[in-house]
Structures are given as C-alpha cells and as structure tokens.
C-alpha atoms as a PDB file:
ATOM      1  CA  UNK A   1       0.000   0.000   0.000  1.00  0.00           C
ATOM      2  CA  UNK A   2       1.526   3.361  -0.986  1.00  0.00           C
ATOM      3  CA  UNK A   3       2.255   5.839   1.780  1.00  0.00           C
ATOM      4  CA  UNK A   4       0.147   8.941   2.236  1.00  0.00           C
ATOM      5  CA  UNK A   5       1.936  12.138   1.250  1.00  0.00           C
ATOM      6  CA  UNK A   6      -0.809  14.765   1.254  1.00  0.00           C
ATOM      7  CA  UNK A   7      -3.719  15.112   3.685  1.00  0.00           C
ATOM      8  CA  UNK A   8      -6.310  17.860   3.687  1.00  0.00           C
ATOM      9  CA  UNK A   9      -9.539  18.217   5.608  1.00  0.00           C
ATOM     10  CA  UNK A  10     -12.264  20.771   4.873  1.00  0.00           C
ATOM     11  CA  UNK A  11      -9.646  22.887   3.153  1.00  0.00           C
ATOM     12  CA  UNK A  12     -10.750  26.265   1.846  1.00  0.00           C
ATOM     13  CA  UNK A  13      -9.312  29.346   0.174  1.00  0.00           C
ATOM     14  CA  UNK A  14     -11.146  32.681   0.114  1.00  0.00           C
ATOM     15  CA  UNK A  15     -10.050  35.751  -1.813  1.00  0.00           C
ATOM     16  CA  UNK A  16     -11.178  38.885  -0.006  1.00  0.00           C
ATOM     17  CA  UNK A  17     -12.310  39.358   3.571  1.00  0.00           C
ATOM     18  CA  UNK A  18     -15.246  37.481   5.062  1.00  0.00           C
ATOM     19  CA  UNK A  19     -18.383  39.558   4.670  1.00  0.00           C
ATOM     20  CA  UNK A  20     -17.016  41.670   1.815  1.00  0.00           C
ATOM     21  CA  UNK A  21     -19.331  41.891  -1.153  1.00  0.00           C
ATOM     22  CA  UNK A  22     -16.570  40.809  -3.531  1.00  0.00           C
ATOM     23  CA  UNK A  23     -15.230  37.923  -1.404  1.00  0.00           C
ATOM     24  CA  UNK A  24     -14.876  34.681  -3.360  1.00  0.00           C
ATOM     25  CA  UNK A  25     -14.354  31.113  -2.157  1.00  0.00           C
ATOM     26  CA  UNK A  26     -12.097  29.561  -4.808  1.00  0.00           C
ATOM     27  CA  UNK A  27     -11.827  26.268  -2.889  1.00  0.00           C
ATOM     28  CA  UNK A  28     -14.456  25.071  -0.405  1.00  0.00           C
ATOM     29  CA  UNK A  29     -14.501  22.218   2.134  1.00  0.00           C
ATOM     30  CA  UNK A  30     -12.133  19.880   0.282  1.00  0.00           C
ATOM     31  CA  UNK A  31     -11.129  16.702   2.103  1.00  0.00           C
ATOM     32  CA  UNK A  32      -8.745  14.419   0.265  1.00  0.00           C
ATOM     33  CA  UNK A  33      -5.817  12.037   0.713  1.00  0.00           C
ATOM     34  CA  UNK A  34      -3.125  11.737  -1.981  1.00  0.00           C
ATOM     35  CA  UNK A  35      -0.606   8.908  -1.982  1.00  0.00           C
ATOM     36  CA  UNK A  36       3.007   8.460  -3.039  1.00  0.00           C
ATOM     37  CA  UNK A  37       3.820   6.623  -6.237  1.00  0.00           C
ATOM     38  CA  UNK A  38       0.667   7.767  -8.026  1.00  0.00           C
ATOM     39  CA  UNK A  39      -0.258  10.303 -10.691  1.00  0.00           C
ATOM     40  CA  UNK A  40      -3.283  12.244  -9.464  1.00  0.00           C
ATOM     41  CA  UNK A  41      -4.942  14.482 -12.060  1.00  0.00           C
ATOM     42  CA  UNK A  42      -7.158  17.453 -11.167  1.00  0.00           C
ATOM     43  CA  UNK A  43      -9.636  18.357 -13.896  1.00  0.00           C
ATOM     44  CA  UNK A  44     -12.504  20.797 -14.190  1.00  0.00           C
ATOM     45  CA  UNK A  45     -13.669  23.904 -16.043  1.00  0.00           C
ATOM     46  CA  UNK A  46     -11.892  27.226 -15.713  1.00  0.00           C
ATOM     47  CA  UNK A  47     -12.652  28.740 -12.323  1.00  0.00           C
ATOM     48  CA  UNK A  48     -13.314  25.377 -10.680  1.00  0.00           C
ATOM     49  CA  UNK A  49     -10.522  25.911  -8.133  1.00  0.00           C
ATOM     50  CA  UNK A  50      -8.036  23.297  -9.303  1.00  0.00           C
ATOM     51  CA  UNK A  51      -5.060  25.661  -9.748  1.00  0.00           C
ATOM     52  CA  UNK A  52      -5.801  27.328  -6.408  1.00  0.00           C
ATOM     53  CA  UNK A  53      -5.825  23.899  -4.768  1.00  0.00           C
ATOM     54  CA  UNK A  54      -2.530  22.989  -6.458  1.00  0.00           C
ATOM     55  CA  UNK A  55      -1.010  26.263  -5.226  1.00  0.00           C
ATOM     56  CA  UNK A  56      -1.981  25.438  -1.636  1.00  0.00           C
ATOM     57  CA  UNK A  57      -0.486  21.955  -1.957  1.00  0.00           C
ATOM     58  CA  UNK A  58       2.772  23.522  -3.085  1.00  0.00           C
ATOM     59  CA  UNK A  59       2.899  26.119  -0.327  1.00  0.00           C
ATOM     60  CA  UNK A  60       2.421  29.023  -2.736  1.00  0.00           C
ATOM     61  CA  UNK A  61      -0.893  30.031  -1.143  1.00  0.00           C
ATOM     62  CA  UNK A  62      -1.951  29.848   2.500  1.00  0.00           C
ATOM     63  CA  UNK A  63      -5.317  28.192   3.228  1.00  0.00           C
ATOM     64  CA  UNK A  64      -8.094  30.308   4.687  1.00  0.00           C
ATOM     65  CA  UNK A  65      -9.620  27.420   6.621  1.00  0.00           C
ATOM     66  CA  UNK A  66      -9.196  23.701   7.268  1.00  0.00           C
ATOM     67  CA  UNK A  67      -5.961  21.799   7.647  1.00  0.00           C
ATOM     68  CA  UNK A  68      -3.334  20.676   5.157  1.00  0.00           C
ATOM     69  CA  UNK A  69      -0.301  18.450   5.706  1.00  0.00           C
ATOM     70  CA  UNK A  70       2.230  17.675   2.953  1.00  0.00           C
ATOM     71  CA  UNK A  71       5.204  15.385   3.618  1.00  0.00           C
ATOM     72  CA  UNK A  72       4.566  15.739   7.338  1.00  0.00           C
ATOM     73  CA  UNK A  73       4.624  19.558   7.227  1.00  0.00           C
ATOM     74  CA  UNK A  74       1.459  21.347   8.382  1.00  0.00           C
ATOM     75  CA  UNK A  75       0.871  24.174   5.915  1.00  0.00           C
ATOM     76  CA  UNK A  76      -2.236  25.672   7.482  1.00  0.00           C
ATOM     77  CA  UNK A  77      -1.300  28.497   9.803  1.00  0.00           C
ATOM     78  CA  UNK A  78       2.450  28.478   9.058  1.00  0.00           C
ATOM     79  CA  UNK A  79       4.222  31.673   8.036  1.00  0.00           C
ATOM     80  CA  UNK A  80       5.835  32.442   4.688  1.00  0.00           C
ATOM     81  CA  UNK A  81       9.357  31.577   5.858  1.00  0.00           C
ATOM     82  CA  UNK A  82       8.251  28.041   6.739  1.00  0.00           C
ATOM     83  CA  UNK A  83       6.393  27.682   3.458  1.00  0.00           C
ATOM     84  CA  UNK A  84       9.493  28.852   1.587  1.00  0.00           C
ATOM     85  CA  UNK A  85      11.638  26.219   3.292  1.00  0.00           C
ATOM     86  CA  UNK A  86       8.972  23.617   2.569  1.00  0.00           C
ATOM     87  CA  UNK A  87       8.944  24.529  -1.135  1.00  0.00           C
ATOM     88  CA  UNK A  88      12.712  24.293  -1.360  1.00  0.00           C
ATOM     89  CA  UNK A  89      12.855  20.947   0.424  1.00  0.00           C
ATOM     90  CA  UNK A  90       9.778  19.081  -0.750  1.00  0.00           C
ATOM     91  CA  UNK A  91       8.281  20.312  -4.016  1.00  0.00           C
ATOM     92  CA  UNK A  92       9.221  20.425  -7.694  1.00  0.00           C
ATOM     93  CA  UNK A  93       7.099  22.504 -10.076  1.00  0.00           C
ATOM     94  CA  UNK A  94       6.333  22.097 -13.780  1.00  0.00           C
ATOM     95  CA  UNK A  95       4.377  24.894 -15.452  1.00  0.00           C
ATOM     96  CA  UNK A  96       2.706  25.335 -18.836  1.00  0.00           C
ATOM     97  CA  UNK A  97       5.331  27.939 -19.712  1.00  0.00           C
ATOM     98  CA  UNK A  98       8.676  26.271 -19.121  1.00  0.00           C
ATOM     99  CA  UNK A  99      10.257  29.449 -17.704  1.00  0.00           C
ATOM    100  CA  UNK A 100      13.767  28.360 -18.633  1.00  0.00           C
ATOM    101  CA  UNK A 101      16.464  31.033 -18.443  1.00  0.00           C
ATOM    102  CA  UNK A 102      17.028  32.006 -22.079  1.00  0.00           C
ATOM    103  CA  UNK A 103      20.664  33.004 -21.594  1.00  0.00           C
ATOM    104  CA  UNK A 104      21.613  29.595 -20.168  1.00  0.00           C
ATOM    105  CA  UNK A 105      21.958  26.209 -21.825  1.00  0.00           C
ATOM    106  CA  UNK A 106      19.800  23.278 -20.790  1.00  0.00           C
ATOM    107  CA  UNK A 107      22.540  21.955 -18.535  1.00  0.00           C
ATOM    108  CA  UNK A 108      23.189  25.380 -17.009  1.00  0.00           C
ATOM    109  CA  UNK A 109      19.487  25.780 -16.209  1.00  0.00           C
ATOM    110  CA  UNK A 110      19.677  22.528 -14.265  1.00  0.00           C
ATOM    111  CA  UNK A 111      22.890  23.527 -12.520  1.00  0.00           C
ATOM    112  CA  UNK A 112      21.142  26.664 -11.221  1.00  0.00           C
ATOM    113  CA  UNK A 113      18.235  24.581  -9.894  1.00  0.00           C
ATOM    114  CA  UNK A 114      20.595  22.116  -8.210  1.00  0.00           C
ATOM    115  CA  UNK A 115      22.575  24.946  -6.627  1.00  0.00           C
ATOM    116  CA  UNK A 116      19.422  26.556  -5.218  1.00  0.00           C
ATOM    117  CA  UNK A 117      18.519  23.243  -3.569  1.00  0.00           C
ATOM    118  CA  UNK A 118      22.028  22.844  -2.169  1.00  0.00           C
ATOM    119  CA  UNK A 119      22.754  19.851  -4.414  1.00  0.00           C
ATOM    120  CA  UNK A 120      25.801  18.862  -6.453  1.00  0.00           C
ATOM    121  CA  UNK A 121      25.660  20.696  -9.787  1.00  0.00           C
ATOM    122  CA  UNK A 122      27.397  17.726 -11.379  1.00  0.00           C
ATOM    123  CA  UNK A 123      24.072  15.873 -11.316  1.00  0.00           C
ATOM    124  CA  UNK A 124      22.763  18.065 -14.159  1.00  0.00           C
ATOM    125  CA  UNK A 125      23.920  15.587 -16.801  1.00  0.00           C
ATOM    126  CA  UNK A 126      22.143  12.743 -15.006  1.00  0.00           C
ATOM    127  CA  UNK A 127      18.905  14.753 -14.910  1.00  0.00           C
ATOM    128  CA  UNK A 128      19.108  15.426 -18.648  1.00  0.00           C
ATOM    129  CA  UNK A 129      19.736  11.739 -19.286  1.00  0.00           C
ATOM    130  CA  UNK A 130      16.676  10.871 -17.199  1.00  0.00           C
ATOM    131  CA  UNK A 131      14.451  12.846 -19.591  1.00  0.00           C
ATOM    132  CA  UNK A 132      16.259  11.616 -22.722  1.00  0.00           C
ATOM    133  CA  UNK A 133      18.080  14.854 -23.521  1.00  0.00           C
ATOM    134  CA  UNK A 134      21.714  14.180 -22.685  1.00  0.00           C
ATOM    135  CA  UNK A 135      22.722  15.234 -26.208  1.00  0.00           C
ATOM    136  CA  UNK A 136      20.995  18.629 -25.739  1.00  0.00           C
ATOM    137  CA  UNK A 137      23.099  19.661 -22.733  1.00  0.00           C
ATOM    138  CA  UNK A 138      24.673  22.638 -24.527  1.00  0.00           C
ATOM    139  CA  UNK A 139      21.571  23.758 -26.406  1.00  0.00           C
ATOM    140  CA  UNK A 140      19.858  27.029 -25.485  1.00  0.00           C
ATOM    141  CA  UNK A 141      16.080  27.085 -24.960  1.00  0.00           C
ATOM    142  CA  UNK A 142      15.458  28.758 -28.330  1.00  0.00           C
ATOM    143  CA  UNK A 143      17.245  25.831 -30.000  1.00  0.00           C
ATOM    144  CA  UNK A 144      14.919  23.266 -28.415  1.00  0.00           C
ATOM    145  CA  UNK A 145      11.441  22.213 -29.507  1.00  0.00           C
ATOM    146  CA  UNK A 146       8.479  22.875 -27.229  1.00  0.00           C
ATOM    147  CA  UNK A 147       8.468  19.280 -26.065  1.00  0.00           C
ATOM    148  CA  UNK A 148      12.194  19.332 -25.373  1.00  0.00           C
ATOM    149  CA  UNK A 149      11.889  22.551 -23.358  1.00  0.00           C
ATOM    150  CA  UNK A 150       9.148  20.992 -21.265  1.00  0.00           C
ATOM    151  CA  UNK A 151      11.299  17.906 -20.651  1.00  0.00           C
ATOM    152  CA  UNK A 152      14.130  20.174 -19.455  1.00  0.00           C
ATOM    153  CA  UNK A 153      11.585  21.844 -17.160  1.00  0.00           C
ATOM    154  CA  UNK A 154      10.663  18.427 -15.757  1.00  0.00           C
ATOM    155  CA  UNK A 155      14.345  17.656 -15.204  1.00  0.00           C
ATOM    156  CA  UNK A 156      14.679  20.979 -13.366  1.00  0.00           C
ATOM    157  CA  UNK A 157      11.693  20.098 -11.170  1.00  0.00           C
ATOM    158  CA  UNK A 158      13.390  16.790 -10.307  1.00  0.00           C
ATOM    159  CA  UNK A 159      16.554  18.523  -9.075  1.00  0.00           C
ATOM    160  CA  UNK A 160      17.310  17.304  -5.578  1.00  0.00           C
ATOM    161  CA  UNK A 161      14.702  14.530  -5.785  1.00  0.00           C
ATOM    162  CA  UNK A 162      11.697  16.291  -4.188  1.00  0.00           C
ATOM    163  CA  UNK A 163       9.038  13.852  -2.936  1.00  0.00           C
ATOM    164  CA  UNK A 164       6.206  15.901  -4.502  1.00  0.00           C
ATOM    165  CA  UNK A 165       5.975  17.005  -8.126  1.00  0.00           C
ATOM    166  CA  UNK A 166       3.237  19.493  -9.087  1.00  0.00           C
ATOM    167  CA  UNK A 167       2.459  20.209 -12.733  1.00  0.00           C
ATOM    168  CA  UNK A 168       0.102  22.956 -13.935  1.00  0.00           C
ATOM    169  CA  UNK A 169      -1.108  22.332 -17.503  1.00  0.00           C
ATOM    170  CA  UNK A 170       2.186  20.674 -18.554  1.00  0.00           C
ATOM    171  CA  UNK A 171       0.833  19.527 -21.947  1.00  0.00           C
ATOM    172  CA  UNK A 172      -1.284  22.531 -22.910  1.00  0.00           C
ATOM    173  CA  UNK A 173       1.236  23.995 -25.372  1.00  0.00           C
ATOM    174  CA  UNK A 174       2.353  20.643 -26.824  1.00  0.00           C
ATOM    175  CA  UNK A 175       1.206  18.507 -29.718  1.00  0.00           C
ATOM    176  CA  UNK A 176      -0.154  15.020 -29.060  1.00  0.00           C
ATOM    177  CA  UNK A 177       3.138  13.130 -29.286  1.00  0.00           C
ATOM    178  CA  UNK A 178       5.113  15.560 -27.122  1.00  0.00           C
ATOM    179  CA  UNK A 179       2.247  15.645 -24.635  1.00  0.00           C
ATOM    180  CA  UNK A 180       2.370  11.867 -24.345  1.00  0.00           C
ATOM    181  CA  UNK A 181       6.132  11.932 -23.838  1.00  0.00           C
ATOM    182  CA  UNK A 182       5.841  14.487 -21.047  1.00  0.00           C
ATOM    183  CA  UNK A 183       3.111  12.546 -19.256  1.00  0.00           C
ATOM    184  CA  UNK A 184       5.001   9.281 -19.690  1.00  0.00           C
ATOM    185  CA  UNK A 185       7.969  10.882 -17.915  1.00  0.00           C
ATOM    186  CA  UNK A 186       5.785  12.043 -15.037  1.00  0.00           C
ATOM    187  CA  UNK A 187       4.146   8.618 -14.707  1.00  0.00           C
ATOM    188  CA  UNK A 188       7.540   6.881 -14.781  1.00  0.00           C
ATOM    189  CA  UNK A 189       8.777   9.148 -12.008  1.00  0.00           C
ATOM    190  CA  UNK A 190       5.738   8.339  -9.867  1.00  0.00           C
ATOM    191  CA  UNK A 191       5.756   4.596 -10.402  1.00  0.00           C
ATOM    192  CA  UNK A 192       9.522   3.988 -10.322  1.00  0.00           C
ATOM    193  CA  UNK A 193      10.722   6.574  -7.792  1.00  0.00           C
ATOM    194  CA  UNK A 194       7.615   6.742  -5.585  1.00  0.00           C
ATOM    195  CA  UNK A 195       7.152  10.445  -6.219  1.00  0.00           C
ATOM    196  CA  UNK A 196       3.742  11.986  -5.541  1.00  0.00           C
ATOM    197  CA  UNK A 197       2.713  13.590  -8.847  1.00  0.00           C
ATOM    198  CA  UNK A 198      -0.275  15.955  -9.030  1.00  0.00           C
ATOM    199  CA  UNK A 199      -1.263  17.379 -12.424  1.00  0.00           C
ATOM    200  CA  UNK A 200      -3.782  20.134 -13.178  1.00  0.00           C
ATOM    201  CA  UNK A 201      -5.067  19.974 -16.742  1.00  0.00           C
ATOM    202  CA  UNK A 202      -7.878  20.520 -19.229  1.00  0.00           C
ATOM    203  CA  UNK A 203      -6.282  17.974 -21.579  1.00  0.00           C
ATOM    204  CA  UNK A 204      -8.344  14.754 -21.769  1.00  0.00           C
ATOM    205  CA  UNK A 205      -5.307  12.881 -23.152  1.00  0.00           C
ATOM    206  CA  UNK A 206      -3.732  13.070 -19.705  1.00  0.00           C
ATOM    207  CA  UNK A 207      -6.326  10.664 -18.262  1.00  0.00           C
ATOM    208  CA  UNK A 208      -4.632   7.596 -19.707  1.00  0.00           C
ATOM    209  CA  UNK A 209      -1.472   8.342 -17.707  1.00  0.00           C
ATOM    210  CA  UNK A 210      -3.266   8.827 -14.391  1.00  0.00           C
ATOM    211  CA  UNK A 211      -3.874   6.581 -11.420  1.00  0.00           C
ATOM    212  CA  UNK A 212      -6.787   8.792 -10.381  1.00  0.00           C
ATOM    213  CA  UNK A 213      -8.717  11.652 -11.923  1.00  0.00           C
ATOM    214  CA  UNK A 214     -10.289  14.100  -9.491  1.00  0.00           C
ATOM    215  CA  UNK A 215     -12.907  16.368 -10.987  1.00  0.00           C
ATOM    216  CA  UNK A 216     -13.678  19.763  -9.483  1.00  0.00           C
ATOM    217  CA  UNK A 217     -16.548  22.185  -9.898  1.00  0.00           C
ATOM    218  CA  UNK A 218     -17.304  25.446  -8.083  1.00  0.00           C
ATOM    219  CA  UNK A 219     -14.349  24.976  -5.740  1.00  0.00           C
ATOM    220  CA  UNK A 220     -15.405  21.507  -4.582  1.00  0.00           C
ATOM    221  CA  UNK A 221     -14.625  17.926  -5.487  1.00  0.00           C
ATOM    222  CA  UNK A 222     -17.376  16.504  -7.654  1.00  0.00           C
ATOM    223  CA  UNK A 223     -16.090  13.078  -8.666  1.00  0.00           C
ATOM    224  CA  UNK A 224     -13.077  10.758  -8.440  1.00  0.00           C
ATOM    225  CA  UNK A 225     -12.520   8.448 -11.376  1.00  0.00           C
ATOM    226  CA  UNK A 226     -10.344   5.375 -12.082  1.00  0.00           C
ATOM    227  CA  UNK A 227      -8.261   2.982 -10.000  1.00  0.00           C
ATOM    228  CA  UNK A 228      -9.093   4.464  -6.607  1.00  0.00           C
ATOM    229  CA  UNK A 229      -6.840   3.794  -3.642  1.00  0.00           C
ATOM    230  CA  UNK A 230      -8.283   4.774  -0.267  1.00  0.00           C
ATOM    231  CA  UNK A 231      -9.193   8.316  -1.273  1.00  0.00           C
ATOM    232  CA  UNK A 232     -11.903  10.076   0.696  1.00  0.00           C
ATOM    233  CA  UNK A 233     -13.512  13.475   0.562  1.00  0.00           C
ATOM    234  CA  UNK A 234     -16.166  15.797   1.924  1.00  0.00           C
ATOM    235  CA  UNK A 235     -17.600  14.794   5.229  1.00  0.00           C
ATOM    236  CA  UNK A 236     -18.644  16.461   8.443  1.00  0.00           C
ATOM    237  CA  UNK A 237     -16.122  14.533  10.568  1.00  0.00           C
ATOM    238  CA  UNK A 238     -12.512  13.458  10.227  1.00  0.00           C
ATOM    239  CA  UNK A 239     -12.241  11.510   6.936  1.00  0.00           C
ATOM    240  CA  UNK A 240     -12.461   7.733   6.943  1.00  0.00           C
ATOM    241  CA  UNK A 241     -11.849   5.522   3.910  1.00  0.00           C
ATOM    242  CA  UNK A 242     -14.715   3.218   4.930  1.00  0.00           C
ATOM    243  CA  UNK A 243     -17.209   6.006   4.207  1.00  0.00           C
ATOM    244  CA  UNK A 244     -16.532   5.561   0.502  1.00  0.00           C
ATOM    245  CA  UNK A 245     -15.856   1.844   0.127  1.00  0.00           C
ATOM    246  CA  UNK A 246     -18.597   1.191  -2.440  1.00  0.00           C
ATOM    247  CA  UNK A 247     -17.715   1.905  -6.070  1.00  0.00           C
ATOM    248  CA  UNK A 248     -20.153   2.682  -8.838  1.00  0.00           C
ATOM    249  CA  UNK A 249     -19.591   1.634 -12.449  1.00  0.00           C
ATOM    250  CA  UNK A 250     -20.349   4.288 -15.044  1.00  0.00           C
ATOM    251  CA  UNK A 251     -19.459   4.223 -18.723  1.00  0.00           C
ATOM    252  CA  UNK A 252     -17.032   1.306 -18.239  1.00  0.00           C
ATOM    253  CA  UNK A 253     -14.996   3.279 -15.673  1.00  0.00           C
ATOM    254  CA  UNK A 254     -14.949   2.882 -11.917  1.00  0.00           C
ATOM    255  CA  UNK A 255     -16.419   6.038 -10.470  1.00  0.00           C
ATOM    256  CA  UNK A 256     -16.856   7.339  -6.972  1.00  0.00           C
ATOM    257  CA  UNK A 257     -19.735   9.817  -6.994  1.00  0.00           C
ATOM    258  CA  UNK A 258     -19.653  12.990  -4.972  1.00  0.00           C
ATOM    259  CA  UNK A 259     -20.445  12.466  -1.327  1.00  0.00           C
ATOM    260  CA  UNK A 260     -21.257  14.852   1.475  1.00  0.00           C
ATOM    261  CA  UNK A 261     -20.874  17.986  -0.640  1.00  0.00           C
ATOM    262  CA  UNK A 262     -23.573  19.781   1.293  1.00  0.00           C
ATOM    263  CA  UNK A 263     -22.276  18.891   4.751  1.00  0.00           C
END
C-alpha cells in the first residue's frame, strides 16, 4: 500500500475578507488524501478551483480554513518563511510555460536549480539523461522544440529529488506526441521513484497516464474516477476511507460519486 503524502480536511481558500461583497471562495470544504507513487490528475472547467488547490499543496498560497499536511509539514497556519523552506525541500514545479532562463543552456538551467537546492551541480547531466536529452546539454532554450523545453523543465523540477511534483497544464502547449512523452515521464517518475505527482489539466489525453482523476466544480470535489486507492472526501467529521468503500460503475470506468458535498 503506498504511503500517504498529502492530507487535507475541509480545506478552503477565500479571496477577499469574510463579509465583503466581492469575497470569493475559490476552494471550499475539500477533504482528500493523496498517496506516493501515483499520478493524481485534477480536472474541471476554468474557475473550478483546481489551480488554487494545487497552489496550496505547493505552499504558494496559505489556506483560509481547514488543515493541510504535505510530507509531514502542516501548511495551514504556518508563516511564509516556513512555506518557503517547505517549497525548497519538498516540491518540484512544472508549469505550462517552461520558464527556462534564455541566456543559459539546458545543462546550465539545471545547474542553477541544483545549486538553489544545495545539491551537487554535477548531477545536471544525469537529470538530462533521465528525460532523454543528454545530447541537448549545450543547447539554449530557443534551439529546443516545445516538447524538449518541457522535458528540461521536468528535469529541473526533479533537481534534488523532491518527494512531490506538481504540474500545472504541462501539456497545454504541446502537440499530441510531445504531450504523451511528457506525461510518460511524469508517470515513470511516480511509479519507479515513488514520487507523488499531481497534475492540473484541461487535456483529456492526460487521463490515460493517471492513477486517479479528481474532478472539481465550483471549488469543490465533484467526482473521483479510475483505479481508486483509499481516497476520501467531503464529510462532516474526520475523513475515513470506509465512508466511501462502495464503487459505482459508469461508462465502463470505476467512479466514486460525490459524497457529502452539502455537509
């Protein structure tokens, strides 16, 4: 049984002050467990709260309510200095825009990432080899294809071997083949290294690389689909896997319908 990496209970994020006319709950009452060695995909329409949830998991945003623990670190109520240390120690990020430094080669981009994590810069070549780009070590970002740049970005996120890898729309700017290559790399990392991989996407092609698909709507979880492993959500008390032990079959796919959304 894979170990639990991420726990959240009735987690919420509000923009604006309580009672203000313009206050908005981007995430509401989310309870969920996420396990190591799995690719968990968050899907939903724009404005459903999935990127806000990902940002809280990565320590980029502080929750407004509820509790959140990632890799044993409680992120609810901690200050920015603790969240910064957590990000450096525990999380690798992959974004839609690769954000590589244009003036540096692929290898130099990785050396910078390794240095920031206090790791041996000599591991840059190994990271490039891991994503199949050893021969592109001295290429600048403008000399790489979109798929190659994204693979360098994945290698950068892997610098120092963080236990959690968060990816926000990693295939959005890629064609089908490059998108598959990127997702295959993320799945390999999860299954072979035990990394917890969480992907936010609108891309339906990503589903085939997932262990679980979590659908969101209006800031809440609405459905969890495919190969479920002791994931629970939305209840009035501390979560218990037994609450959701019965699976429903829908369209040939194992589906766990939304439960307790109005609690």
